[in-house]
Amino acid sequence: MAKNGLLIDYKYCTGCHSCEVACKNHLGLLVGKWGIKLTEVGPFVVEAGTPDKFEWIYMPVPTKLCDMCVDETAKGNLPLCAHHCLGGCIEFGPIDELAKKMQQRPGKQNLYMPI
């Protein structure tokens, strides 16, 4: 049986927190606990001399509490973070397939988390 994992292309993350909310509700986590945590990196000035142009990077990061929604994936469903991702940046599947997808994408803005 192939091991599964998450491929997160944070280049497309909008910072909506839908993954966090879906995960917290699914796992019944209390305040201060996350199965996936959206980290905000920035703001950064895009060009020197243009203080009104900033860039933020949002990075969904699975934590140790993430169980990859084993009850959902056993039914053939996606983990709830991937299902509810509005930016479509979280993918779930066999590690070997995700690794191939990752190599085909330009840049290295991916987080790869096997289980």
PDB file of N, CA and C in Angstrom:
ATOM      1  N   MET A   1       0.845  -1.191   0.000  1.00  0.00           N
ATOM      2  CA  MET A   1       0.000   0.000   0.000  1.00  0.00           C
ATOM      3  C   MET A   1       0.886   1.249   0.000  1.00  0.00           C
ATOM      4  N   ALA A   2       0.576   2.161  -0.887  1.00  0.00           N
ATOM      5  CA  ALA A   2       1.362   3.394  -0.999  1.00  0.00           C
ATOM      6  C   ALA A   2       1.080   4.308   0.184  1.00  0.00           C
ATOM      7  N   LYS A   3       2.154   4.913   0.704  1.00  0.00           N
ATOM      8  CA  LYS A   3       1.975   5.909   1.762  1.00  0.00           C
ATOM      9  C   LYS A   3       1.474   7.199   1.142  1.00  0.00           C
ATOM     10  N   ASN A   4       0.623   7.883   1.870  1.00  0.00           N
ATOM     11  CA  ASN A   4       0.066   9.141   1.397  1.00  0.00           C
ATOM     12  C   ASN A   4       0.684  10.316   2.126  1.00  0.00           C
ATOM     13  N   GLY A   5       0.522  11.485   1.543  1.00  0.00           N
ATOM     14  CA  GLY A   5       1.034  12.698   2.146  1.00  0.00           C
ATOM     15  C   GLY A   5       0.307  13.908   1.605  1.00  0.00           C
ATOM     16  N   LEU A   6       0.740  15.065   2.032  1.00  0.00           N
ATOM     17  CA  LEU A   6       0.200  16.333   1.560  1.00  0.00           C
ATOM     18  C   LEU A   6       1.275  17.051   0.762  1.00  0.00           C
ATOM     19  N   LEU A   7       0.859  17.673  -0.317  1.00  0.00           N
ATOM     20  CA  LEU A   7       1.727  18.558  -1.078  1.00  0.00           C
ATOM     21  C   LEU A   7       1.077  19.926  -1.004  1.00  0.00           C
ATOM     22  N   ILE A   8       1.775  20.882  -0.429  1.00  0.00           N
ATOM     23  CA  ILE A   8       1.232  22.221  -0.249  1.00  0.00           C
ATOM     24  C   ILE A   8       2.061  23.185  -1.072  1.00  0.00           C
ATOM     25  N   ASP A   9       1.420  23.766  -2.077  1.00  0.00           N
ATOM     26  CA  ASP A   9       2.081  24.753  -2.925  1.00  0.00           C
ATOM     27  C   ASP A   9       1.696  26.123  -2.380  1.00  0.00           C
ATOM     28  N   TYR A  10       2.493  26.639  -1.470  1.00  0.00           N
ATOM     29  CA  TYR A  10       2.108  27.869  -0.785  1.00  0.00           C
ATOM     30  C   TYR A  10       2.158  29.093  -1.670  1.00  0.00           C
ATOM     31  N   LYS A  11       2.632  28.935  -2.889  1.00  0.00           N
ATOM     32  CA  LYS A  11       2.606  30.045  -3.846  1.00  0.00           C
ATOM     33  C   LYS A  11       1.163  30.502  -4.090  1.00  0.00           C
ATOM     34  N   TYR A  12       0.221  29.585  -3.956  1.00  0.00           N
ATOM     35  CA  TYR A  12      -1.184  29.890  -4.238  1.00  0.00           C
ATOM     36  C   TYR A  12      -2.038  30.041  -2.987  1.00  0.00           C
ATOM     37  N   CYS A  13      -1.459  29.959  -1.829  1.00  0.00           N
ATOM     38  CA  CYS A  13      -2.224  30.118  -0.585  1.00  0.00           C
ATOM     39  C   CYS A  13      -2.654  31.579  -0.441  1.00  0.00           C
ATOM     40  N   THR A  14      -3.941  31.784  -0.184  1.00  0.00           N
ATOM     41  CA  THR A  14      -4.493  33.134  -0.058  1.00  0.00           C
ATOM     42  C   THR A  14      -4.533  33.618   1.385  1.00  0.00           C
ATOM     43  N   GLY A  15      -4.239  32.736   2.325  1.00  0.00           N
ATOM     44  CA  GLY A  15      -4.273  33.124   3.735  1.00  0.00           C
ATOM     45  C   GLY A  15      -5.672  33.147   4.315  1.00  0.00           C
ATOM     46  N   CYS A  16      -6.593  32.366   3.768  1.00  0.00           N
ATOM     47  CA  CYS A  16      -7.999  32.415   4.189  1.00  0.00           C
ATOM     48  C   CYS A  16      -8.273  31.685   5.508  1.00  0.00           C
ATOM     49  N   HIS A  17      -7.376  30.820   5.951  1.00  0.00           N
ATOM     50  CA  HIS A  17      -7.497  30.044   7.190  1.00  0.00           C
ATOM     51  C   HIS A  17      -8.553  28.937   7.129  1.00  0.00           C
ATOM     52  N   SER A  18      -9.109  28.639   5.958  1.00  0.00           N
ATOM     53  CA  SER A  18     -10.124  27.585   5.851  1.00  0.00           C
ATOM     54  C   SER A  18      -9.578  26.226   6.271  1.00  0.00           C
ATOM     55  N   CYS A  19      -8.325  25.955   5.954  1.00  0.00           N
ATOM     56  CA  CYS A  19      -7.711  24.679   6.338  1.00  0.00           C
ATOM     57  C   CYS A  19      -7.658  24.555   7.858  1.00  0.00           C
ATOM     58  N   GLU A  20      -7.257  25.643   8.513  1.00  0.00           N
ATOM     59  CA  GLU A  20      -7.178  25.648   9.988  1.00  0.00           C
ATOM     60  C   GLU A  20      -8.540  25.386  10.618  1.00  0.00           C
ATOM     61  N   VAL A  21      -9.546  26.098  10.145  1.00  0.00           N
ATOM     62  CA  VAL A  21     -10.887  25.987  10.718  1.00  0.00           C
ATOM     63  C   VAL A  21     -11.453  24.585  10.511  1.00  0.00           C
ATOM     64  N   ALA A  22     -11.316  24.060   9.301  1.00  0.00           N
ATOM     65  CA  ALA A  22     -11.823  22.718   9.014  1.00  0.00           C
ATOM     66  C   ALA A  22     -11.141  21.674   9.891  1.00  0.00           C
ATOM     67  N   CYS A  23      -9.845  21.804  10.044  1.00  0.00           N
ATOM     68  CA  CYS A  23      -9.076  20.858  10.839  1.00  0.00           C
ATOM     69  C   CYS A  23      -9.436  20.952  12.317  1.00  0.00           C
ATOM     70  N   LYS A  24      -9.490  22.175  12.843  1.00  0.00           N
ATOM     71  CA  LYS A  24      -9.823  22.365  14.264  1.00  0.00           C
ATOM     72  C   LYS A  24     -11.191  21.774  14.578  1.00  0.00           C
ATOM     73  N   ASN A  25     -12.159  22.010  13.684  1.00  0.00           N
ATOM     74  CA  ASN A  25     -13.502  21.472  13.900  1.00  0.00           C
ATOM     75  C   ASN A  25     -13.511  19.952  13.834  1.00  0.00           C
ATOM     76  N   HIS A  26     -12.807  19.404  12.865  1.00  0.00           N
ATOM     77  CA  HIS A  26     -12.760  17.947  12.694  1.00  0.00           C
ATOM     78  C   HIS A  26     -12.127  17.252  13.901  1.00  0.00           C
ATOM     79  N   LEU A  27     -11.020  17.804  14.379  1.00  0.00           N
ATOM     80  CA  LEU A  27     -10.311  17.189  15.504  1.00  0.00           C
ATOM     81  C   LEU A  27     -10.838  17.628  16.863  1.00  0.00           C
ATOM     82  N   GLY A  28     -11.717  18.634  16.886  1.00  0.00           N
ATOM     83  CA  GLY A  28     -12.254  19.137  18.153  1.00  0.00           C
ATOM     84  C   GLY A  28     -11.180  19.798  19.003  1.00  0.00           C
ATOM     85  N   LEU A  29     -10.292  20.536  18.366  1.00  0.00           N
ATOM     86  CA  LEU A  29      -9.171  21.146  19.080  1.00  0.00           C
ATOM     87  C   LEU A  29      -9.587  22.434  19.771  1.00  0.00           C
ATOM     88  N   LEU A  30      -9.007  22.674  20.919  1.00  0.00           N
ATOM     89  CA  LEU A  30      -9.294  23.864  21.700  1.00  0.00           C
ATOM     90  C   LEU A  30      -8.414  25.026  21.262  1.00  0.00           C
ATOM     91  N   VAL A  31      -8.648  26.181  21.844  1.00  0.00           N
ATOM     92  CA  VAL A  31      -7.887  27.385  21.537  1.00  0.00           C
ATOM     93  C   VAL A  31      -6.390  27.119  21.732  1.00  0.00           C
ATOM     94  N   GLY A  32      -5.593  27.565  20.772  1.00  0.00           N
ATOM     95  CA  GLY A  32      -4.144  27.406  20.868  1.00  0.00           C
ATOM     96  C   GLY A  32      -3.611  26.095  20.330  1.00  0.00           C
ATOM     97  N   LYS A  33      -4.475  25.238  19.804  1.00  0.00           N
ATOM     98  CA  LYS A  33      -4.056  23.951  19.234  1.00  0.00           C
ATOM     99  C   LYS A  33      -4.497  23.901  17.779  1.00  0.00           C
ATOM    100  N   TRP A  34      -3.634  23.349  16.920  1.00  0.00           N
ATOM    101  CA  TRP A  34      -3.947  23.232  15.505  1.00  0.00           C
ATOM    102  C   TRP A  34      -3.441  21.910  14.972  1.00  0.00           C
ATOM    103  N   GLY A  35      -4.161  21.368  14.013  1.00  0.00           N
ATOM    104  CA  GLY A  35      -3.678  20.227  13.248  1.00  0.00           C
ATOM    105  C   GLY A  35      -2.898  20.717  12.039  1.00  0.00           C
ATOM    106  N   ILE A  36      -3.294  21.882  11.534  1.00  0.00           N
ATOM    107  CA  ILE A  36      -2.556  22.598  10.502  1.00  0.00           C
ATOM    108  C   ILE A  36      -2.611  24.066  10.897  1.00  0.00           C
ATOM    109  N   LYS A  37      -1.499  24.755  10.805  1.00  0.00           N
ATOM    110  CA  LYS A  37      -1.412  26.152  11.255  1.00  0.00           C
ATOM    111  C   LYS A  37      -0.947  27.008  10.091  1.00  0.00           C
ATOM    112  N   LEU A  38      -1.708  28.046   9.819  1.00  0.00           N
ATOM    113  CA  LEU A  38      -1.328  28.976   8.772  1.00  0.00           C
ATOM    114  C   LEU A  38      -0.329  29.975   9.345  1.00  0.00           C
ATOM    115  N   THR A  39       0.856  29.976   8.772  1.00  0.00           N
ATOM    116  CA  THR A  39       1.908  30.884   9.200  1.00  0.00           C
ATOM    117  C   THR A  39       2.017  32.013   8.186  1.00  0.00           C
ATOM    118  N   GLU A  40       2.115  33.240   8.686  1.00  0.00           N
ATOM    119  CA  GLU A  40       2.252  34.401   7.815  1.00  0.00           C
ATOM    120  C   GLU A  40       3.698  34.885   7.876  1.00  0.00           C
ATOM    121  N   VAL A  41       4.311  34.981   6.715  1.00  0.00           N
ATOM    122  CA  VAL A  41       5.680  35.462   6.617  1.00  0.00           C
ATOM    123  C   VAL A  41       5.637  36.797   5.874  1.00  0.00           C
ATOM    124  N   GLY A  42       6.111  37.823   6.499  1.00  0.00           N
ATOM    125  CA  GLY A  42       6.082  39.142   5.870  1.00  0.00           C
ATOM    126  C   GLY A  42       5.420  40.128   6.810  1.00  0.00           C
ATOM    127  N   PRO A  43       5.181  41.315   6.357  1.00  0.00           N
ATOM    128  CA  PRO A  43       5.287  41.775   4.974  1.00  0.00           C
ATOM    129  C   PRO A  43       6.716  42.143   4.597  1.00  0.00           C
ATOM    130  N   PHE A  44       6.980  42.019   3.299  1.00  0.00           N
ATOM    131  CA  PHE A  44       8.251  42.415   2.715  1.00  0.00           C
ATOM    132  C   PHE A  44       8.000  43.527   1.708  1.00  0.00           C
ATOM    133  N   VAL A  45       8.904  44.490   1.638  1.00  0.00           N
ATOM    134  CA  VAL A  45       8.821  45.520   0.597  1.00  0.00           C
ATOM    135  C   VAL A  45       9.207  44.861  -0.724  1.00  0.00           C
ATOM    136  N   VAL A  46       8.370  45.014  -1.747  1.00  0.00           N
ATOM    137  CA  VAL A  46       8.603  44.370  -3.037  1.00  0.00           C
ATOM    138  C   VAL A  46       9.789  45.000  -3.769  1.00  0.00           C
ATOM    139  N   GLU A  47       9.817  46.333  -3.820  1.00  0.00           N
ATOM    140  CA  GLU A  47      10.918  47.037  -4.479  1.00  0.00           C
ATOM    141  C   GLU A  47      11.418  48.133  -3.555  1.00  0.00           C
ATOM    142  N   ALA A  48      12.719  48.297  -3.512  1.00  0.00           N
ATOM    143  CA  ALA A  48      13.289  49.395  -2.719  1.00  0.00           C
ATOM    144  C   ALA A  48      12.752  50.717  -3.244  1.00  0.00           C
ATOM    145  N   GLY A  49      12.368  51.598  -2.352  1.00  0.00           N
ATOM    146  CA  GLY A  49      11.847  52.898  -2.748  1.00  0.00           C
ATOM    147  C   GLY A  49      10.356  52.912  -3.017  1.00  0.00           C
ATOM    148  N   THR A  50       9.699  51.750  -2.864  1.00  0.00           N
ATOM    149  CA  THR A  50       8.242  51.691  -3.054  1.00  0.00           C
ATOM    150  C   THR A  50       7.605  51.146  -1.778  1.00  0.00           C
ATOM    151  N   PRO A  51       7.506  51.980  -0.754  1.00  0.00           N
ATOM    152  CA  PRO A  51       7.017  51.511   0.538  1.00  0.00           C
ATOM    153  C   PRO A  51       5.540  51.112   0.536  1.00  0.00           C
ATOM    154  N   ASP A  52       4.817  51.387  -0.549  1.00  0.00           N
ATOM    155  CA  ASP A  52       3.405  51.031  -0.598  1.00  0.00           C
ATOM    156  C   ASP A  52       3.174  49.678  -1.274  1.00  0.00           C
ATOM    157  N   LYS A  53       4.230  48.994  -1.696  1.00  0.00           N
ATOM    158  CA  LYS A  53       4.099  47.692  -2.358  1.00  0.00           C
ATOM    159  C   LYS A  53       4.734  46.621  -1.479  1.00  0.00           C
ATOM    160  N   PHE A  54       3.864  45.799  -0.879  1.00  0.00           N
ATOM    161  CA  PHE A  54       4.316  44.766   0.036  1.00  0.00           C
ATOM    162  C   PHE A  54       3.912  43.390  -0.465  1.00  0.00           C
ATOM    163  N   GLU A  55       4.604  42.392   0.035  1.00  0.00           N
ATOM    164  CA  GLU A  55       4.283  41.005  -0.276  1.00  0.00           C
ATOM    165  C   GLU A  55       4.211  40.218   1.024  1.00  0.00           C
ATOM    166  N   TRP A  56       3.219  39.346   1.112  1.00  0.00           N
ATOM    167  CA  TRP A  56       3.093  38.421   2.230  1.00  0.00           C
ATOM    168  C   TRP A  56       3.138  37.008   1.663  1.00  0.00           C
ATOM    169  N   ILE A  57       3.667  36.110   2.432  1.00  0.00           N
ATOM    170  CA  ILE A  57       3.649  34.694   2.066  1.00  0.00           C
ATOM    171  C   ILE A  57       2.890  33.967   3.173  1.00  0.00           C
ATOM    172  N   TYR A  58       1.920  33.184   2.772  1.00  0.00           N
ATOM    173  CA  TYR A  58       1.160  32.373   3.726  1.00  0.00           C
ATOM    174  C   TYR A  58       1.579  30.924   3.546  1.00  0.00           C
ATOM    175  N   MET A  59       1.835  30.254   4.660  1.00  0.00           N
ATOM    176  CA  MET A  59       2.320  28.878   4.613  1.00  0.00           C
ATOM    177  C   MET A  59       1.501  28.001   5.555  1.00  0.00           C
ATOM    178  N   PRO A  60       0.609  27.146   5.006  1.00  0.00           N
ATOM    179  CA  PRO A  60      -0.071  26.178   5.850  1.00  0.00           C
ATOM    180  C   PRO A  60       0.930  25.088   6.264  1.00  0.00           C
ATOM    181  N   VAL A  61       1.079  24.886   7.559  1.00  0.00           N
ATOM    182  CA  VAL A  61       2.059  23.925   8.060  1.00  0.00           C
ATOM    183  C   VAL A  61       1.351  22.887   8.925  1.00  0.00           C
ATOM    184  N   PRO A  62       1.331  21.610   8.503  1.00  0.00           N
ATOM    185  CA  PRO A  62       0.751  20.564   9.347  1.00  0.00           C
ATOM    186  C   PRO A  62       1.560  20.425  10.639  1.00  0.00           C
ATOM    187  N   THR A  63       0.864  20.170  11.733  1.00  0.00           N
ATOM    188  CA  THR A  63       1.515  19.994  13.031  1.00  0.00           C
ATOM    189  C   THR A  63       1.512  18.520  13.417  1.00  0.00           C
ATOM    190  N   LYS A  64       2.056  18.226  14.585  1.00  0.00           N
ATOM    191  CA  LYS A  64       2.063  16.848  15.084  1.00  0.00           C
ATOM    192  C   LYS A  64       0.661  16.329  15.382  1.00  0.00           C
ATOM    193  N   LEU A  65      -0.301  17.228  15.530  1.00  0.00           N
ATOM    194  CA  LEU A  65      -1.674  16.812  15.800  1.00  0.00           C
ATOM    195  C   LEU A  65      -2.414  16.377  14.538  1.00  0.00           C
ATOM    196  N   CYS A  66      -1.836  16.656  13.379  1.00  0.00           N
ATOM    197  CA  CYS A  66      -2.462  16.256  12.109  1.00  0.00           C
ATOM    198  C   CYS A  66      -2.481  14.731  12.017  1.00  0.00           C
ATOM    199  N   ASP A  67      -3.671  14.183  11.790  1.00  0.00           N
ATOM    200  CA  ASP A  67      -3.786  12.733  11.600  1.00  0.00           C
ATOM    201  C   ASP A  67      -4.147  12.407  10.155  1.00  0.00           C
ATOM    202  N   MET A  68      -4.016  13.415   9.272  1.00  0.00           N
ATOM    203  CA  MET A  68      -4.302  13.275   7.848  1.00  0.00           C
ATOM    204  C   MET A  68      -5.751  12.825   7.620  1.00  0.00           C
ATOM    205  N   CYS A  69      -6.611  13.121   8.604  1.00  0.00           N
ATOM    206  CA  CYS A  69      -8.040  12.783   8.523  1.00  0.00           C
ATOM    207  C   CYS A  69      -8.241  11.317   8.129  1.00  0.00           C
ATOM    208  N   VAL A  70      -7.602  10.421   8.867  1.00  0.00           N
ATOM    209  CA  VAL A  70      -7.635   8.998   8.516  1.00  0.00           C
ATOM    210  C   VAL A  70      -9.050   8.455   8.383  1.00  0.00           C
ATOM    211  N   ASP A  71      -9.975   8.966   9.171  1.00  0.00           N
ATOM    212  CA  ASP A  71     -11.351   8.492   9.057  1.00  0.00           C
ATOM    213  C   ASP A  71     -11.978   8.923   7.731  1.00  0.00           C
ATOM    214  N   GLU A  72     -11.646  10.110   7.257  1.00  0.00           N
ATOM    215  CA  GLU A  72     -12.168  10.599   5.975  1.00  0.00           C
ATOM    216  C   GLU A  72     -11.472   9.923   4.801  1.00  0.00           C
ATOM    217  N   THR A  73     -10.151   9.808   4.871  1.00  0.00           N
ATOM    218  CA  THR A  73      -9.420   9.218   3.753  1.00  0.00           C
ATOM    219  C   THR A  73      -9.723   7.723   3.620  1.00  0.00           C
ATOM    220  N   ALA A  74     -10.073   7.059   4.712  1.00  0.00           N
ATOM    221  CA  ALA A  74     -10.467   5.647   4.656  1.00  0.00           C
ATOM    222  C   ALA A  74     -11.756   5.471   3.849  1.00  0.00           C
ATOM    223  N   LYS A  75     -12.576   6.515   3.801  1.00  0.00           N
ATOM    224  CA  LYS A  75     -13.828   6.494   3.030  1.00  0.00           C
ATOM    225  C   LYS A  75     -13.614   6.960   1.591  1.00  0.00           C
ATOM    226  N   GLY A  76     -12.364   7.318   1.246  1.00  0.00           N
ATOM    227  CA  GLY A  76     -12.077   7.794  -0.094  1.00  0.00           C
ATOM    228  C   GLY A  76     -12.199   9.300  -0.247  1.00  0.00           C
ATOM    229  N   ASN A  77     -12.378  10.002   0.857  1.00  0.00           N
ATOM    230  CA  ASN A  77     -12.474  11.462   0.835  1.00  0.00           C
ATOM    231  C   ASN A  77     -11.097  12.090   1.031  1.00  0.00           C
ATOM    232  N   LEU A  78     -11.010  13.361   0.719  1.00  0.00           N
ATOM    233  CA  LEU A  78      -9.782  14.121   0.976  1.00  0.00           C
ATOM    234  C   LEU A  78      -9.695  14.486   2.449  1.00  0.00           C
ATOM    235  N   PRO A  79      -8.478  14.730   2.960  1.00  0.00           N
ATOM    236  CA  PRO A  79      -8.374  15.350   4.283  1.00  0.00           C
ATOM    237  C   PRO A  79      -9.108  16.691   4.230  1.00  0.00           C
ATOM    238  N   LEU A  80      -9.670  17.101   5.331  1.00  0.00           N
ATOM    239  CA  LEU A  80     -10.508  18.294   5.323  1.00  0.00           C
ATOM    240  C   LEU A  80      -9.747  19.563   4.982  1.00  0.00           C
ATOM    241  N   CYS A  81      -8.466  19.635   5.294  1.00  0.00           N
ATOM    242  CA  CYS A  81      -7.692  20.825   4.905  1.00  0.00           C
ATOM    243  C   CYS A  81      -7.666  20.960   3.386  1.00  0.00           C
ATOM    244  N   ALA A  82      -7.447  19.844   2.681  1.00  0.00           N
ATOM    245  CA  ALA A  82      -7.407  19.865   1.219  1.00  0.00           C
ATOM    246  C   ALA A  82      -8.793  20.104   0.637  1.00  0.00           C
ATOM    247  N   HIS A  83      -9.796  19.493   1.231  1.00  0.00           N
ATOM    248  CA  HIS A  83     -11.176  19.646   0.749  1.00  0.00           C
ATOM    249  C   HIS A  83     -11.650  21.096   0.837  1.00  0.00           C
ATOM    250  N   HIS A  84     -11.294  21.769   1.911  1.00  0.00           N
ATOM    251  CA  HIS A  84     -11.781  23.130   2.150  1.00  0.00           C
ATOM    252  C   HIS A  84     -10.823  24.226   1.684  1.00  0.00           C
ATOM    253  N   CYS A  85      -9.697  23.873   1.105  1.00  0.00           N
ATOM    254  CA  CYS A  85      -8.708  24.862   0.665  1.00  0.00           C
ATOM    255  C   CYS A  85      -9.269  25.679  -0.497  1.00  0.00           C
ATOM    256  N   LEU A  86      -9.512  26.954  -0.259  1.00  0.00           N
ATOM    257  CA  LEU A  86     -10.089  27.824  -1.285  1.00  0.00           C
ATOM    258  C   LEU A  86      -9.108  28.136  -2.403  1.00  0.00           C
ATOM    259  N   GLY A  87      -7.828  28.124  -2.111  1.00  0.00           N
ATOM    260  CA  GLY A  87      -6.815  28.398  -3.123  1.00  0.00           C
ATOM    261  C   GLY A  87      -6.423  27.166  -3.928  1.00  0.00           C
ATOM    262  N   GLY A  88      -6.884  25.994  -3.494  1.00  0.00           N
ATOM    263  CA  GLY A  88      -6.534  24.757  -4.179  1.00  0.00           C
ATOM    264  C   GLY A  88      -5.063  24.418  -4.099  1.00  0.00           C
ATOM    265  N   CYS A  89      -4.408  24.869  -3.024  1.00  0.00           N
ATOM    266  CA  CYS A  89      -2.960  24.664  -2.935  1.00  0.00           C
ATOM    267  C   CYS A  89      -2.567  23.430  -2.127  1.00  0.00           C
ATOM    268  N   ILE A  90      -3.548  22.748  -1.517  1.00  0.00           N
ATOM    269  CA  ILE A  90      -3.237  21.553  -0.727  1.00  0.00           C
ATOM    270  C   ILE A  90      -3.716  20.322  -1.489  1.00  0.00           C
ATOM    271  N   GLU A  91      -2.788  19.436  -1.793  1.00  0.00           N
ATOM    272  CA  GLU A  91      -3.117  18.193  -2.489  1.00  0.00           C
ATOM    273  C   GLU A  91      -2.788  17.017  -1.588  1.00  0.00           C
ATOM    274  N   PHE A  92      -3.541  15.941  -1.735  1.00  0.00           N
ATOM    275  CA  PHE A  92      -3.352  14.716  -0.965  1.00  0.00           C
ATOM    276  C   PHE A  92      -3.229  13.560  -1.941  1.00  0.00           C
ATOM    277  N   GLY A  93      -2.339  12.636  -1.642  1.00  0.00           N
ATOM    278  CA  GLY A  93      -2.215  11.463  -2.489  1.00  0.00           C
ATOM    279  C   GLY A  93      -0.985  10.660  -2.148  1.00  0.00           C
ATOM    280  N   PRO A  94      -0.741   9.621  -2.958  1.00  0.00           N
ATOM    281  CA  PRO A  94       0.446   8.791  -2.754  1.00  0.00           C
ATOM    282  C   PRO A  94       1.720   9.630  -2.889  1.00  0.00           C
ATOM    283  N   ILE A  95       2.670   9.367  -2.018  1.00  0.00           N
ATOM    284  CA  ILE A  95       3.907  10.141  -1.973  1.00  0.00           C
ATOM    285  C   ILE A  95       4.629  10.147  -3.313  1.00  0.00           C
ATOM    286  N   ASP A  96       4.689   9.001  -3.982  1.00  0.00           N
ATOM    287  CA  ASP A  96       5.414   8.956  -5.257  1.00  0.00           C
ATOM    288  C   ASP A  96       4.758   9.852  -6.312  1.00  0.00           C
ATOM    289  N   GLU A  97       3.424   9.921  -6.337  1.00  0.00           N
ATOM    290  CA  GLU A  97       2.732  10.794  -7.285  1.00  0.00           C
ATOM    291  C   GLU A  97       2.942  12.269  -6.932  1.00  0.00           C
ATOM    292  N   LEU A  98       2.895  12.580  -5.641  1.00  0.00           N
ATOM    293  CA  LEU A  98       3.104  13.959  -5.212  1.00  0.00           C
ATOM    294  C   LEU A  98       4.527  14.415  -5.515  1.00  0.00           C
ATOM    295  N   ALA A  99       5.485  13.513  -5.351  1.00  0.00           N
ATOM    296  CA  ALA A  99       6.882  13.849  -5.643  1.00  0.00           C
ATOM    297  C   ALA A  99       7.053  14.169  -7.124  1.00  0.00           C
ATOM    298  N   LYS A 100       6.382  13.426  -8.001  1.00  0.00           N
ATOM    299  CA  LYS A 100       6.435  13.707  -9.438  1.00  0.00           C
ATOM    300  C   LYS A 100       5.826  15.069  -9.743  1.00  0.00           C
ATOM    301  N   LYS A 101       4.690  15.365  -9.142  1.00  0.00           N
ATOM    302  CA  LYS A 101       4.043  16.668  -9.345  1.00  0.00           C
ATOM    303  C   LYS A 101       4.954  17.798  -8.876  1.00  0.00           C
ATOM    304  N   MET A 102       5.596  17.595  -7.735  1.00  0.00           N
ATOM    305  CA  MET A 102       6.460  18.620  -7.173  1.00  0.00           C
ATOM    306  C   MET A 102       7.625  18.921  -8.115  1.00  0.00           C
ATOM    307  N   GLN A 103       8.193  17.899  -8.728  1.00  0.00           N
ATOM    308  CA  GLN A 103       9.326  18.095  -9.633  1.00  0.00           C
ATOM    309  C   GLN A 103       8.921  18.778 -10.937  1.00  0.00           C
ATOM    310  N   GLN A 104       7.654  18.662 -11.320  1.00  0.00           N
ATOM    311  CA  GLN A 104       7.184  19.266 -12.563  1.00  0.00           C
ATOM    312  C   GLN A 104       6.858  20.745 -12.404  1.00  0.00           C
ATOM    313  N   ARG A 105       6.734  21.209 -11.175  1.00  0.00           N
ATOM    314  CA  ARG A 105       6.355  22.598 -10.936  1.00  0.00           C
ATOM    315  C   ARG A 105       7.573  23.498 -10.927  1.00  0.00           C
ATOM    316  N   PRO A 106       7.398  24.694 -11.491  1.00  0.00           N
ATOM    317  CA  PRO A 106       8.523  25.640 -11.445  1.00  0.00           C
ATOM    318  C   PRO A 106       8.725  26.167 -10.033  1.00  0.00           C
ATOM    319  N   GLY A 107       9.956  26.472  -9.688  1.00  0.00           N
ATOM    320  CA  GLY A 107      10.261  26.996  -8.351  1.00  0.00           C
ATOM    321  C   GLY A 107      10.233  25.894  -7.319  1.00  0.00           C
ATOM    322  N   LYS A 108      10.551  26.257  -6.100  1.00  0.00           N
ATOM    323  CA  LYS A 108      10.588  25.272  -5.031  1.00  0.00           C
ATOM    324  C   LYS A 108       9.706  25.730  -3.881  1.00  0.00           C
ATOM    325  N   GLN A 109       8.531  26.235  -4.198  1.00  0.00           N
ATOM    326  CA  GLN A 109       7.645  26.741  -3.169  1.00  0.00           C
ATOM    327  C   GLN A 109       6.648  25.673  -2.748  1.00  0.00           C
ATOM    328  N   ASN A 110       7.146  24.556  -2.314  1.00  0.00           N
ATOM    329  CA  ASN A 110       6.303  23.438  -1.894  1.00  0.00           C
ATOM    330  C   ASN A 110       6.725  22.955  -0.515  1.00  0.00           C
ATOM    331  N   LEU A 111       5.747  22.505   0.211  1.00  0.00           N
ATOM    332  CA  LEU A 111       6.002  21.832   1.477  1.00  0.00           C
ATOM    333  C   LEU A 111       5.479  20.424   1.297  1.00  0.00           C
ATOM    334  N   TYR A 112       6.308  19.452   1.609  1.00  0.00           N
ATOM    335  CA  TYR A 112       5.960  18.060   1.371  1.00  0.00           C
ATOM    336  C   TYR A 112       5.909  17.365   2.720  1.00  0.00           C
ATOM    337  N   MET A 113       4.770  16.779   3.048  1.00  0.00           N
ATOM    338  CA  MET A 113       4.636  16.120   4.346  1.00  0.00           C
ATOM    339  C   MET A 113       4.128  14.711   4.167  1.00  0.00           C
ATOM    340  N   PRO A 114       4.996  13.716   4.246  1.00  0.00           N
ATOM    341  CA  PRO A 114       4.538  12.326   4.184  1.00  0.00           C
ATOM    342  C   PRO A 114       3.986  11.881   5.529  1.00  0.00           C
ATOM    343  N   ILE A 115       3.152  10.853   5.486  1.00  0.00           N
ATOM    344  CA  ILE A 115       2.690  10.257   6.753  1.00  0.00           C
ATOM    345  C   ILE A 115       3.177   8.839   6.847  1.00  0.00           C
TER     346      ILE A 115
END
